[in-house]
């Protein structure tokens, strides 16, 4: 066991490593949970709506720069995980020049924005 046959050392150190790893995972999980619970203001919702609409319209006419600019502005704010995932999906479609798909994702997000916040805007 082990490259230099240090099996006793490996057996001794592994539980310590696993405990530290669990601590790190727990801290990350707590940070993610706190981020999910972060409050999104009405101003944030309006800003998101405005930028998603801009993304949709720009993607429909294949204006890559405008879509990228709107995504960049959105990424400066703190968003719940669902919004971050949405922005990543749009960015991935943009990366592959899939403008129709990017516009569709933005349109769907606008239509169901209440999912992000638990109520409609």
PDB file of N, CA and C in Angstrom:
ATOM      1  N   UNK A   1       0.846  -1.171   0.000  1.00  0.00           N
ATOM      2  CA  UNK A   1       0.000   0.000   0.000  1.00  0.00           C
ATOM      3  C   UNK A   1       0.890   1.232   0.000  1.00  0.00           C
ATOM      4  N   UNK A   2       0.598   2.174  -0.854  1.00  0.00           N
ATOM      5  CA  UNK A   2       1.383   3.391  -0.927  1.00  0.00           C
ATOM      6  C   UNK A   2       2.611   3.213  -1.782  1.00  0.00           C
ATOM      7  N   UNK A   3       3.087   4.300  -2.301  1.00  0.00           N
ATOM      8  CA  UNK A   3       4.232   4.265  -3.205  1.00  0.00           C
ATOM      9  C   UNK A   3       5.490   3.774  -2.502  1.00  0.00           C
ATOM     10  N   UNK A   4       5.751   4.253  -1.305  1.00  0.00           N
ATOM     11  CA  UNK A   4       6.957   3.861  -0.564  1.00  0.00           C
ATOM     12  C   UNK A   4       6.649   2.853   0.530  1.00  0.00           C
ATOM     13  N   UNK A   5       5.542   2.164   0.383  1.00  0.00           N
ATOM     14  CA  UNK A   5       5.122   1.151   1.367  1.00  0.00           C
ATOM     15  C   UNK A   5       4.958   1.736   2.774  1.00  0.00           C
ATOM     16  N   UNK A   6       4.390   2.940   2.815  1.00  0.00           N
ATOM     17  CA  UNK A   6       4.145   3.602   4.095  1.00  0.00           C
ATOM     18  C   UNK A   6       2.698   3.394   4.501  1.00  0.00           C
ATOM     19  N   UNK A   7       2.295   2.173   4.578  1.00  0.00           N
ATOM     20  CA  UNK A   7       0.894   1.863   4.843  1.00  0.00           C
ATOM     21  C   UNK A   7       0.432   2.354   6.210  1.00  0.00           C
ATOM     22  N   UNK A   8       1.291   2.266   7.209  1.00  0.00           N
ATOM     23  CA  UNK A   8       0.894   2.712   8.542  1.00  0.00           C
ATOM     24  C   UNK A   8       0.657   4.223   8.551  1.00  0.00           C
ATOM     25  N   UNK A   9       1.521   4.950   7.873  1.00  0.00           N
ATOM     26  CA  UNK A   9       1.354   6.404   7.793  1.00  0.00           C
ATOM     27  C   UNK A   9       0.064   6.762   7.056  1.00  0.00           C
ATOM     28  N   UNK A  10      -0.210   6.048   5.976  1.00  0.00           N
ATOM     29  CA  UNK A  10      -1.432   6.286   5.217  1.00  0.00           C
ATOM     30  C   UNK A  10      -2.658   5.993   6.076  1.00  0.00           C
ATOM     31  N   UNK A  11      -2.633   4.893   6.791  1.00  0.00           N
ATOM     32  CA  UNK A  11      -3.761   4.540   7.642  1.00  0.00           C
ATOM     33  C   UNK A  11      -3.957   5.551   8.776  1.00  0.00           C
ATOM     34  N   UNK A  12      -2.873   6.125   9.262  1.00  0.00           N
ATOM     35  CA  UNK A  12      -2.954   7.102  10.343  1.00  0.00           C
ATOM     36  C   UNK A  12      -3.458   8.453   9.836  1.00  0.00           C
ATOM     37  N   UNK A  13      -2.976   8.875   8.677  1.00  0.00           N
ATOM     38  CA  UNK A  13      -3.289  10.197   8.151  1.00  0.00           C
ATOM     39  C   UNK A  13      -4.650  10.274   7.455  1.00  0.00           C
ATOM     40  N   UNK A  14      -5.140   9.175   6.932  1.00  0.00           N
ATOM     41  CA  UNK A  14      -6.393   9.199   6.159  1.00  0.00           C
ATOM     42  C   UNK A  14      -7.580   9.713   6.966  1.00  0.00           C
ATOM     43  N   UNK A  15      -7.818   9.244   8.176  1.00  0.00           N
ATOM     44  CA  UNK A  15      -8.966   9.771   8.935  1.00  0.00           C
ATOM     45  C   UNK A  15      -8.858  11.281   9.193  1.00  0.00           C
ATOM     46  N   UNK A  16      -7.643  11.754   9.470  1.00  0.00           N
ATOM     47  CA  UNK A  16      -7.459  13.196   9.678  1.00  0.00           C
ATOM     48  C   UNK A  16      -7.787  13.971   8.414  1.00  0.00           C
ATOM     49  N   UNK A  17      -7.309  13.474   7.297  1.00  0.00           N
ATOM     50  CA  UNK A  17      -7.594  14.113   6.012  1.00  0.00           C
ATOM     51  C   UNK A  17      -9.091  14.127   5.737  1.00  0.00           C
ATOM     52  N   UNK A  18      -9.749  13.003   5.951  1.00  0.00           N
ATOM     53  CA  UNK A  18     -11.190  12.919   5.694  1.00  0.00           C
ATOM     54  C   UNK A  18     -11.982  13.871   6.588  1.00  0.00           C
ATOM     55  N   UNK A  19     -11.566  14.010   7.844  1.00  0.00           N
ATOM     56  CA  UNK A  19     -12.247  14.947   8.742  1.00  0.00           C
ATOM     57  C   UNK A  19     -12.091  16.386   8.267  1.00  0.00           C
ATOM     58  N   UNK A  20     -10.884  16.743   7.828  1.00  0.00           N
ATOM     59  CA  UNK A  20     -10.664  18.094   7.313  1.00  0.00           C
ATOM     60  C   UNK A  20     -11.463  18.317   6.033  1.00  0.00           C
ATOM     61  N   UNK A  21     -11.523  17.314   5.201  1.00  0.00           N
ATOM     62  CA  UNK A  21     -12.297  17.408   3.968  1.00  0.00           C
ATOM     63  C   UNK A  21     -13.783  17.602   4.275  1.00  0.00           C
ATOM     64  N   UNK A  22     -14.304  16.867   5.234  1.00  0.00           N
ATOM     65  CA  UNK A  22     -15.707  17.039   5.643  1.00  0.00           C
ATOM     66  C   UNK A  22     -15.968  18.458   6.151  1.00  0.00           C
ATOM     67  N   UNK A  23     -15.002  19.009   6.916  1.00  0.00           N
ATOM     68  CA  UNK A  23     -15.147  20.373   7.419  1.00  0.00           C
ATOM     69  C   UNK A  23     -15.234  21.380   6.264  1.00  0.00           C
ATOM     70  N   UNK A  24     -14.375  21.204   5.276  1.00  0.00           N
ATOM     71  CA  UNK A  24     -14.382  22.096   4.118  1.00  0.00           C
ATOM     72  C   UNK A  24     -15.708  21.980   3.371  1.00  0.00           C
ATOM     73  N   UNK A  25     -16.170  20.763   3.154  1.00  0.00           N
ATOM     74  CA  UNK A  25     -17.437  20.541   2.456  1.00  0.00           C
ATOM     75  C   UNK A  25     -18.583  21.185   3.228  1.00  0.00           C
ATOM     76  N   UNK A  26     -18.572  21.045   4.537  1.00  0.00           N
ATOM     77  CA  UNK A  26     -19.629  21.636   5.366  1.00  0.00           C
ATOM     78  C   UNK A  26     -19.611  23.163   5.264  1.00  0.00           C
ATOM     79  N   UNK A  27     -18.417  23.772   5.288  1.00  0.00           N
ATOM     80  CA  UNK A  27     -18.316  25.229   5.177  1.00  0.00           C
ATOM     81  C   UNK A  27     -18.819  25.708   3.826  1.00  0.00           C
ATOM     82  N   UNK A  28     -18.448  25.008   2.772  1.00  0.00           N
ATOM     83  CA  UNK A  28     -18.905  25.384   1.434  1.00  0.00           C
ATOM     84  C   UNK A  28     -20.415  25.243   1.330  1.00  0.00           C
ATOM     85  N   UNK A  29     -20.952  24.167   1.877  1.00  0.00           N
ATOM     86  CA  UNK A  29     -22.396  23.956   1.857  1.00  0.00           C
ATOM     87  C   UNK A  29     -23.129  25.064   2.596  1.00  0.00           C
ATOM     88  N   UNK A  30     -22.581  25.485   3.728  1.00  0.00           N
ATOM     89  CA  UNK A  30     -23.200  26.558   4.500  1.00  0.00           C
ATOM     90  C   UNK A  30     -23.169  27.870   3.721  1.00  0.00           C
ATOM     91  N   UNK A  31     -22.056  28.150   3.046  1.00  0.00           N
ATOM     92  CA  UNK A  31     -21.958  29.369   2.243  1.00  0.00           C
ATOM     93  C   UNK A  31     -22.952  29.350   1.092  1.00  0.00           C
ATOM     94  N   UNK A  32     -23.085  28.198   0.442  1.00  0.00           N
ATOM     95  CA  UNK A  32     -24.038  28.082  -0.658  1.00  0.00           C
ATOM     96  C   UNK A  32     -25.465  28.244  -0.163  1.00  0.00           C
ATOM     97  N   UNK A  33     -25.760  27.671   0.997  1.00  0.00           N
ATOM     98  CA  UNK A  33     -27.110  27.791   1.557  1.00  0.00           C
ATOM     99  C   UNK A  33     -27.405  29.249   1.913  1.00  0.00           C
ATOM    100  N   UNK A  34     -26.430  29.935   2.473  1.00  0.00           N
ATOM    101  CA  UNK A  34     -26.621  31.346   2.819  1.00  0.00           C
ATOM    102  C   UNK A  34     -26.823  32.175   1.555  1.00  0.00           C
ATOM    103  N   UNK A  35     -26.102  31.830   0.515  1.00  0.00           N
ATOM    104  CA  UNK A  35     -26.246  32.542  -0.749  1.00  0.00           C
ATOM    105  C   UNK A  35     -27.638  32.322  -1.325  1.00  0.00           C
ATOM    106  N   UNK A  36     -28.148  31.109  -1.232  1.00  0.00           N
ATOM    107  CA  UNK A  36     -29.492  30.812  -1.720  1.00  0.00           C
ATOM    108  C   UNK A  36     -30.535  31.610  -0.954  1.00  0.00           C
ATOM    109  N   UNK A  37     -30.259  31.860   0.331  1.00  0.00           N
ATOM    110  CA  UNK A  37     -31.206  32.587   1.165  1.00  0.00           C
ATOM    111  C   UNK A  37     -31.076  34.098   1.015  1.00  0.00           C
ATOM    112  N   UNK A  38     -30.082  34.539   0.237  1.00  0.00           N
ATOM    113  CA  UNK A  38     -29.872  35.977   0.110  1.00  0.00           C
ATOM    114  C   UNK A  38     -31.122  36.638  -0.476  1.00  0.00           C
ATOM    115  N   UNK A  39     -31.413  37.801   0.046  1.00  0.00           N
ATOM    116  CA  UNK A  39     -32.605  38.521  -0.363  1.00  0.00           C
ATOM    117  C   UNK A  39     -32.327  39.246  -1.671  1.00  0.00           C
ATOM    118  N   UNK A  40     -33.254  39.124  -2.596  1.00  0.00           N
ATOM    119  CA  UNK A  40     -33.173  39.846  -3.855  1.00  0.00           C
ATOM    120  C   UNK A  40     -34.197  40.963  -3.789  1.00  0.00           C
ATOM    121  N   UNK A  41     -33.740  42.186  -3.958  1.00  0.00           N
ATOM    122  CA  UNK A  41     -34.632  43.335  -3.839  1.00  0.00           C
ATOM    123  C   UNK A  41     -35.479  43.502  -5.097  1.00  0.00           C
ATOM    124  N   UNK A  42     -36.485  44.335  -4.984  1.00  0.00           N
ATOM    125  CA  UNK A  42     -37.321  44.645  -6.150  1.00  0.00           C
ATOM    126  C   UNK A  42     -36.480  45.278  -7.255  1.00  0.00           C
ATOM    127  N   UNK A  43     -35.498  46.089  -6.845  1.00  0.00           N
ATOM    128  CA  UNK A  43     -34.606  46.702  -7.822  1.00  0.00           C
ATOM    129  C   UNK A  43     -33.793  45.655  -8.570  1.00  0.00           C
ATOM    130  N   UNK A  44     -33.341  44.628  -7.832  1.00  0.00           N
ATOM    131  CA  UNK A  44     -32.607  43.539  -8.468  1.00  0.00           C
ATOM    132  C   UNK A  44     -33.495  42.793  -9.455  1.00  0.00           C
ATOM    133  N   UNK A  45     -34.738  42.564  -9.049  1.00  0.00           N
ATOM    134  CA  UNK A  45     -35.674  41.863  -9.934  1.00  0.00           C
ATOM    135  C   UNK A  45     -35.920  42.663 -11.207  1.00  0.00           C
ATOM    136  N   UNK A  46     -36.078  43.972 -11.042  1.00  0.00           N
ATOM    137  CA  UNK A  46     -36.295  44.832 -12.206  1.00  0.00           C
ATOM    138  C   UNK A  46     -35.065  44.834 -13.111  1.00  0.00           C
ATOM    139  N   UNK A  47     -33.886  44.905 -12.491  1.00  0.00           N
ATOM    140  CA  UNK A  47     -32.634  44.894 -13.250  1.00  0.00           C
ATOM    141  C   UNK A  47     -32.506  43.581 -14.021  1.00  0.00           C
ATOM    142  N   UNK A  48     -32.804  42.473 -13.357  1.00  0.00           N
ATOM    143  CA  UNK A  48     -32.742  41.169 -14.010  1.00  0.00           C
ATOM    144  C   UNK A  48     -33.721  41.114 -15.177  1.00  0.00           C
ATOM    145  N   UNK A  49     -34.928  41.564 -14.943  1.00  0.00           N
ATOM    146  CA  UNK A  49     -35.949  41.554 -15.996  1.00  0.00           C
ATOM    147  C   UNK A  49     -35.489  42.389 -17.195  1.00  0.00           C
ATOM    148  N   UNK A  50     -34.975  43.568 -16.918  1.00  0.00           N
ATOM    149  CA  UNK A  50     -34.512  44.470 -17.983  1.00  0.00           C
ATOM    150  C   UNK A  50     -33.389  43.816 -18.801  1.00  0.00           C
ATOM    151  N   UNK A  51     -32.431  43.216 -18.114  1.00  0.00           N
ATOM    152  CA  UNK A  51     -31.287  42.616 -18.809  1.00  0.00           C
ATOM    153  C   UNK A  51     -31.687  41.347 -19.564  1.00  0.00           C
ATOM    154  N   UNK A  52     -32.577  40.544 -18.994  1.00  0.00           N
ATOM    155  CA  UNK A  52     -33.037  39.350 -19.709  1.00  0.00           C
ATOM    156  C   UNK A  52     -33.793  39.742 -20.975  1.00  0.00           C
ATOM    157  N   UNK A  53     -34.570  40.793 -20.889  1.00  0.00           N
ATOM    158  CA  UNK A  53     -35.279  41.283 -22.061  1.00  0.00           C
ATOM    159  C   UNK A  53     -34.287  41.774 -23.128  1.00  0.00           C
ATOM    160  N   UNK A  54     -33.249  42.481 -22.681  1.00  0.00           N
ATOM    161  CA  UNK A  54     -32.210  42.952 -23.608  1.00  0.00           C
ATOM    162  C   UNK A  54     -31.489  41.764 -24.248  1.00  0.00           C
ATOM    163  N   UNK A  55     -31.210  40.735 -23.450  1.00  0.00           N
ATOM    164  CA  UNK A  55     -30.551  39.527 -23.973  1.00  0.00           C
ATOM    165  C   UNK A  55     -31.439  38.866 -25.014  1.00  0.00           C
ATOM    166  N   UNK A  56     -32.714  38.729 -24.679  1.00  0.00           N
ATOM    167  CA  UNK A  56     -33.641  38.089 -25.615  1.00  0.00           C
ATOM    168  C   UNK A  56     -33.672  38.842 -26.941  1.00  0.00           C
ATOM    169  N   UNK A  57     -33.869  40.152 -26.880  1.00  0.00           N
ATOM    170  CA  UNK A  57     -33.975  40.965 -28.109  1.00  0.00           C
ATOM    171  C   UNK A  57     -32.669  40.942 -28.901  1.00  0.00           C
ATOM    172  N   UNK A  58     -31.541  41.064 -28.212  1.00  0.00           N
ATOM    173  CA  UNK A  58     -30.246  41.074 -28.900  1.00  0.00           C
ATOM    174  C   UNK A  58     -29.942  39.713 -29.525  1.00  0.00           C
ATOM    175  N   UNK A  59     -30.286  38.649 -28.821  1.00  0.00           N
ATOM    176  CA  UNK A  59     -30.036  37.307 -29.359  1.00  0.00           C
ATOM    177  C   UNK A  59     -30.906  37.050 -30.590  1.00  0.00           C
ATOM    178  N   UNK A  60     -32.109  37.580 -30.581  1.00  0.00           N
ATOM    179  CA  UNK A  60     -33.004  37.391 -31.729  1.00  0.00           C
ATOM    180  C   UNK A  60     -32.442  38.016 -33.008  1.00  0.00           C
ATOM    181  N   UNK A  61     -31.645  39.074 -32.853  1.00  0.00           N
ATOM    182  CA  UNK A  61     -31.040  39.696 -34.038  1.00  0.00           C
ATOM    183  C   UNK A  61     -29.539  39.367 -34.143  1.00  0.00           C
ATOM    184  N   UNK A  62     -29.120  38.376 -33.369  1.00  0.00           N
ATOM    185  CA  UNK A  62     -27.739  37.872 -33.371  1.00  0.00           C
ATOM    186  C   UNK A  62     -26.709  38.946 -33.040  1.00  0.00           C
ATOM    187  N   UNK A  63     -27.039  39.791 -32.084  1.00  0.00           N
ATOM    188  CA  UNK A  63     -26.138  40.846 -31.618  1.00  0.00           C
ATOM    189  C   UNK A  63     -25.346  40.310 -30.425  1.00  0.00           C
ATOM    190  N   UNK A  64     -24.264  39.628 -30.731  1.00  0.00           N
ATOM    191  CA  UNK A  64     -23.474  38.938 -29.704  1.00  0.00           C
ATOM    192  C   UNK A  64     -22.900  39.919 -28.671  1.00  0.00           C
ATOM    193  N   UNK A  65     -22.423  41.069 -29.108  1.00  0.00           N
ATOM    194  CA  UNK A  65     -21.811  42.023 -28.181  1.00  0.00           C
ATOM    195  C   UNK A  65     -22.819  42.506 -27.130  1.00  0.00           C
ATOM    196  N   UNK A  66     -24.028  42.818 -27.553  1.00  0.00           N
ATOM    197  CA  UNK A  66     -25.043  43.286 -26.603  1.00  0.00           C
ATOM    198  C   UNK A  66     -25.403  42.197 -25.602  1.00  0.00           C
ATOM    199  N   UNK A  67     -25.507  40.952 -26.072  1.00  0.00           N
ATOM    200  CA  UNK A  67     -25.799  39.837 -25.163  1.00  0.00           C
ATOM    201  C   UNK A  67     -24.669  39.688 -24.154  1.00  0.00           C
ATOM    202  N   UNK A  68     -23.427  39.723 -24.635  1.00  0.00           N
ATOM    203  CA  UNK A  68     -22.271  39.589 -23.737  1.00  0.00           C
ATOM    204  C   UNK A  68     -22.220  40.722 -22.720  1.00  0.00           C
ATOM    205  N   UNK A  69     -22.505  41.935 -23.155  1.00  0.00           N
ATOM    206  CA  UNK A  69     -22.493  43.082 -22.247  1.00  0.00           C
ATOM    207  C   UNK A  69     -23.555  42.932 -21.159  1.00  0.00           C
ATOM    208  N   UNK A  70     -24.758  42.512 -21.552  1.00  0.00           N
ATOM    209  CA  UNK A  70     -25.838  42.330 -20.576  1.00  0.00           C
ATOM    210  C   UNK A  70     -25.492  41.216 -19.587  1.00  0.00           C
ATOM    211  N   UNK A  71     -24.927  40.127 -20.087  1.00  0.00           N
ATOM    212  CA  UNK A  71     -24.506  39.039 -19.198  1.00  0.00           C
ATOM    213  C   UNK A  71     -23.440  39.525 -18.221  1.00  0.00           C
ATOM    214  N   UNK A  72     -22.496  40.298 -18.718  1.00  0.00           N
ATOM    215  CA  UNK A  72     -21.424  40.816 -17.854  1.00  0.00           C
ATOM    216  C   UNK A  72     -21.997  41.704 -16.747  1.00  0.00           C
ATOM    217  N   UNK A  73     -22.950  42.549 -17.096  1.00  0.00           N
ATOM    218  CA  UNK A  73     -23.584  43.408 -16.085  1.00  0.00           C
ATOM    219  C   UNK A  73     -24.309  42.576 -15.037  1.00  0.00           C
ATOM    220  N   UNK A  74     -24.987  41.526 -15.483  1.00  0.00           N
ATOM    221  CA  UNK A  74     -25.721  40.668 -14.545  1.00  0.00           C
ATOM    222  C   UNK A  74     -24.774  39.908 -13.623  1.00  0.00           C
ATOM    223  N   UNK A  75     -23.633  39.521 -14.134  1.00  0.00           N
ATOM    224  CA  UNK A  75     -22.710  38.714 -13.333  1.00  0.00           C
ATOM    225  C   UNK A  75     -22.025  39.519 -12.239  1.00  0.00           C
ATOM    226  N   UNK A  76     -22.118  40.858 -12.281  1.00  0.00           N
ATOM    227  CA  UNK A  76     -21.547  41.688 -11.224  1.00  0.00           C
ATOM    228  C   UNK A  76     -22.383  41.658  -9.948  1.00  0.00           C
ATOM    229  N   UNK A  77     -23.631  41.267 -10.065  1.00  0.00           N
ATOM    230  CA  UNK A  77     -24.528  41.231  -8.901  1.00  0.00           C
ATOM    231  C   UNK A  77     -24.530  39.842  -8.277  1.00  0.00           C
ATOM    232  N   UNK A  78     -24.970  39.788  -7.041  1.00  0.00           N
ATOM    233  CA  UNK A  78     -25.101  38.519  -6.334  1.00  0.00           C
ATOM    234  C   UNK A  78     -26.501  37.987  -6.598  1.00  0.00           C
ATOM    235  N   UNK A  79     -26.580  36.759  -7.118  1.00  0.00           N
ATOM    236  CA  UNK A  79     -27.862  36.148  -7.482  1.00  0.00           C
ATOM    237  C   UNK A  79     -28.007  34.790  -6.833  1.00  0.00           C
ATOM    238  N   UNK A  80     -29.243  34.347  -6.667  1.00  0.00           N
ATOM    239  CA  UNK A  80     -29.463  32.965  -6.210  1.00  0.00           C
ATOM    240  C   UNK A  80     -28.904  31.979  -7.245  1.00  0.00           C
ATOM    241  N   UNK A  81     -28.672  30.781  -6.815  1.00  0.00           N
ATOM    242  CA  UNK A  81     -28.099  29.736  -7.676  1.00  0.00           C
ATOM    243  C   UNK A  81     -28.900  29.569  -8.968  1.00  0.00           C
ATOM    244  N   UNK A  82     -30.217  29.614  -8.888  1.00  0.00           N
ATOM    245  CA  UNK A  82     -31.045  29.412 -10.081  1.00  0.00           C
ATOM    246  C   UNK A  82     -30.764  30.466 -11.150  1.00  0.00           C
ATOM    247  N   UNK A  83     -30.538  31.699 -10.729  1.00  0.00           N
ATOM    248  CA  UNK A  83     -30.247  32.763 -11.687  1.00  0.00           C
ATOM    249  C   UNK A  83     -28.844  32.578 -12.257  1.00  0.00           C
ATOM    250  N   UNK A  84     -27.895  32.233 -11.414  1.00  0.00           N
ATOM    251  CA  UNK A  84     -26.533  31.983 -11.895  1.00  0.00           C
ATOM    252  C   UNK A  84     -26.517  30.860 -12.928  1.00  0.00           C
ATOM    253  N   UNK A  85     -27.268  29.805 -12.641  1.00  0.00           N
ATOM    254  CA  UNK A  85     -27.346  28.687 -13.593  1.00  0.00           C
ATOM    255  C   UNK A  85     -27.945  29.143 -14.917  1.00  0.00           C
ATOM    256  N   UNK A  86     -28.972  29.941 -14.844  1.00  0.00           N
ATOM    257  CA  UNK A  86     -29.611  30.481 -16.048  1.00  0.00           C
ATOM    258  C   UNK A  86     -28.619  31.296 -16.871  1.00  0.00           C
ATOM    259  N   UNK A  87     -27.877  32.162 -16.218  1.00  0.00           N
ATOM    260  CA  UNK A  87     -26.896  32.992 -16.920  1.00  0.00           C
ATOM    261  C   UNK A  87     -25.811  32.139 -17.564  1.00  0.00           C
ATOM    262  N   UNK A  88     -25.426  31.067 -16.889  1.00  0.00           N
ATOM    263  CA  UNK A  88     -24.429  30.158 -17.455  1.00  0.00           C
ATOM    264  C   UNK A  88     -24.961  29.441 -18.692  1.00  0.00           C
ATOM    265  N   UNK A  89     -26.226  29.064 -18.666  1.00  0.00           N
ATOM    266  CA  UNK A  89     -26.834  28.404 -19.831  1.00  0.00           C
ATOM    267  C   UNK A  89     -26.858  29.365 -21.020  1.00  0.00           C
ATOM    268  N   UNK A  90     -27.251  30.599 -20.767  1.00  0.00           N
ATOM    269  CA  UNK A  90     -27.279  31.593 -21.845  1.00  0.00           C
ATOM    270  C   UNK A  90     -25.865  31.809 -22.392  1.00  0.00           C
ATOM    271  N   UNK A  91     -24.887  31.937 -21.500  1.00  0.00           N
ATOM    272  CA  UNK A  91     -23.505  32.158 -21.920  1.00  0.00           C
ATOM    273  C   UNK A  91     -22.992  30.985 -22.755  1.00  0.00           C
ATOM    274  N   UNK A  92     -23.376  29.778 -22.368  1.00  0.00           N
ATOM    275  CA  UNK A  92     -22.942  28.604 -23.134  1.00  0.00           C
ATOM    276  C   UNK A  92     -23.558  28.607 -24.531  1.00  0.00           C
ATOM    277  N   UNK A  93     -24.819  28.938 -24.635  1.00  0.00           N
ATOM    278  CA  UNK A  93     -25.453  29.048 -25.959  1.00  0.00           C
ATOM    279  C   UNK A  93     -24.756  30.119 -26.792  1.00  0.00           C
ATOM    280  N   UNK A  94     -24.426  31.223 -26.162  1.00  0.00           N
ATOM    281  CA  UNK A  94     -23.742  32.299 -26.865  1.00  0.00           C
ATOM    282  C   UNK A  94     -22.366  31.840 -27.347  1.00  0.00           C
ATOM    283  N   UNK A  95     -21.675  31.101 -26.522  1.00  0.00           N
ATOM    284  CA  UNK A  95     -20.358  30.580 -26.877  1.00  0.00           C
ATOM    285  C   UNK A  95     -20.408  29.749 -28.159  1.00  0.00           C
ATOM    286  N   UNK A  96     -21.491  29.023 -28.331  1.00  0.00           N
ATOM    287  CA  UNK A  96     -21.655  28.165 -29.506  1.00  0.00           C
ATOM    288  C   UNK A  96     -22.456  28.856 -30.614  1.00  0.00           C
ATOM    289  N   UNK A  97     -22.638  30.160 -30.479  1.00  0.00           N
ATOM    290  CA  UNK A  97     -23.407  30.967 -31.442  1.00  0.00           C
ATOM    291  C   UNK A  97     -24.817  30.423 -31.662  1.00  0.00           C
ATOM    292  N   UNK A  98     -25.408  29.909 -30.592  1.00  0.00           N
ATOM    293  CA  UNK A  98     -26.775  29.395 -30.627  1.00  0.00           C
ATOM    294  C   UNK A  98     -27.704  30.518 -30.152  1.00  0.00           C
ATOM    295  N   UNK A  99     -27.877  31.503 -31.001  1.00  0.00           N
ATOM    296  CA  UNK A  99     -28.639  32.699 -30.628  1.00  0.00           C
ATOM    297  C   UNK A  99     -30.109  32.394 -30.373  1.00  0.00           C
ATOM    298  N   UNK A 100     -30.702  31.531 -31.201  1.00  0.00           N
ATOM    299  CA  UNK A 100     -32.114  31.188 -30.997  1.00  0.00           C
ATOM    300  C   UNK A 100     -32.327  30.556 -29.628  1.00  0.00           C
ATOM    301  N   UNK A 101     -31.413  29.664 -29.247  1.00  0.00           N
ATOM    302  CA  UNK A 101     -31.536  28.993 -27.951  1.00  0.00           C
ATOM    303  C   UNK A 101     -31.336  29.986 -26.804  1.00  0.00           C
ATOM    304  N   UNK A 102     -30.362  30.885 -26.955  1.00  0.00           N
ATOM    305  CA  UNK A 102     -30.123  31.898 -25.918  1.00  0.00           C
ATOM    306  C   UNK A 102     -31.357  32.783 -25.745  1.00  0.00           C
ATOM    307  N   UNK A 103     -31.947  33.196 -26.859  1.00  0.00           N
ATOM    308  CA  UNK A 103     -33.159  34.025 -26.805  1.00  0.00           C
ATOM    309  C   UNK A 103     -34.298  33.256 -26.146  1.00  0.00           C
ATOM    310  N   UNK A 104     -34.418  31.975 -26.477  1.00  0.00           N
ATOM    311  CA  UNK A 104     -35.487  31.148 -25.913  1.00  0.00           C
ATOM    312  C   UNK A 104     -35.319  31.001 -24.398  1.00  0.00           C
ATOM    313  N   UNK A 105     -34.104  30.770 -23.948  1.00  0.00           N
ATOM    314  CA  UNK A 105     -33.846  30.631 -22.502  1.00  0.00           C
ATOM    315  C   UNK A 105     -34.208  31.936 -21.784  1.00  0.00           C
ATOM    316  N   UNK A 106     -33.787  33.059 -22.343  1.00  0.00           N
ATOM    317  CA  UNK A 106     -34.102  34.357 -21.731  1.00  0.00           C
ATOM    318  C   UNK A 106     -35.617  34.578 -21.698  1.00  0.00           C
ATOM    319  N   UNK A 107     -36.279  34.232 -22.806  1.00  0.00           N
ATOM    320  CA  UNK A 107     -37.740  34.392 -22.884  1.00  0.00           C
ATOM    321  C   UNK A 107     -38.437  33.523 -21.841  1.00  0.00           C
ATOM    322  N   UNK A 108     -38.005  32.276 -21.714  1.00  0.00           N
ATOM    323  CA  UNK A 108     -38.606  31.377 -20.727  1.00  0.00           C
ATOM    324  C   UNK A 108     -38.369  31.889 -19.307  1.00  0.00           C
ATOM    325  N   UNK A 109     -37.181  32.407 -19.054  1.00  0.00           N
ATOM    326  CA  UNK A 109     -36.879  32.945 -17.725  1.00  0.00           C
ATOM    327  C   UNK A 109     -37.771  34.135 -17.402  1.00  0.00           C
ATOM    328  N   UNK A 110     -38.002  34.978 -18.388  1.00  0.00           N
ATOM    329  CA  UNK A 110     -38.899  36.116 -18.173  1.00  0.00           C
ATOM    330  C   UNK A 110     -40.319  35.637 -17.885  1.00  0.00           C
ATOM    331  N   UNK A 111     -40.729  34.591 -18.577  1.00  0.00           N
ATOM    332  CA  UNK A 111     -42.094  34.078 -18.415  1.00  0.00           C
ATOM    333  C   UNK A 111     -42.317  33.420 -17.059  1.00  0.00           C
ATOM    334  N   UNK A 112     -41.260  32.874 -16.484  1.00  0.00           N
ATOM    335  CA  UNK A 112     -41.418  32.158 -15.211  1.00  0.00           C
ATOM    336  C   UNK A 112     -40.540  32.761 -14.114  1.00  0.00           C
ATOM    337  N   UNK A 113     -40.353  34.064 -14.154  1.00  0.00           N
ATOM    338  CA  UNK A 113     -39.461  34.702 -13.180  1.00  0.00           C
ATOM    339  C   UNK A 113     -39.898  34.466 -11.738  1.00  0.00           C
ATOM    340  N   UNK A 114     -41.158  34.149 -11.542  1.00  0.00           N
ATOM    341  CA  UNK A 114     -41.620  33.882 -10.169  1.00  0.00           C
ATOM    342  C   UNK A 114     -40.945  32.659  -9.578  1.00  0.00           C
ATOM    343  N   UNK A 115     -40.436  31.753 -10.403  1.00  0.00           N
ATOM    344  CA  UNK A 115     -39.729  30.575  -9.883  1.00  0.00           C
ATOM    345  C   UNK A 115     -38.470  31.005  -9.152  1.00  0.00           C
ATOM    346  N   UNK A 116     -37.801  32.039  -9.641  1.00  0.00           N
ATOM    347  CA  UNK A 116     -36.561  32.488  -9.018  1.00  0.00           C
ATOM    348  C   UNK A 116     -36.793  33.102  -7.644  1.00  0.00           C
ATOM    349  N   UNK A 117     -37.949  33.715  -7.454  1.00  0.00           N
ATOM    350  CA  UNK A 117     -38.168  34.498  -6.248  1.00  0.00           C
ATOM    351  C   UNK A 117     -39.327  34.022  -5.395  1.00  0.00           C
ATOM    352  N   UNK A 118     -40.072  33.041  -5.848  1.00  0.00           N
ATOM    353  CA  UNK A 118     -41.179  32.537  -5.061  1.00  0.00           C
ATOM    354  C   UNK A 118     -42.451  33.316  -5.240  1.00  0.00           C
ATOM    355  N   UNK A 119     -42.396  34.381  -6.023  1.00  0.00           N
ATOM    356  CA  UNK A 119     -43.611  35.128  -6.360  1.00  0.00           C
ATOM    357  C   UNK A 119     -43.380  35.842  -7.666  1.00  0.00           C
ATOM    358  N   UNK A 120     -44.430  36.331  -8.271  1.00  0.00           N
ATOM    359  CA  UNK A 120     -44.276  37.000  -9.557  1.00  0.00           C
ATOM    360  C   UNK A 120     -43.921  38.462  -9.351  1.00  0.00           C
ATOM    361  N   UNK A 121     -43.207  38.999 -10.345  1.00  0.00           N
ATOM    362  CA  UNK A 121     -42.794  40.403 -10.243  1.00  0.00           C
ATOM    363  C   UNK A 121     -43.754  41.277 -10.970  1.00  0.00           C
TER     364      UNK A 121
END
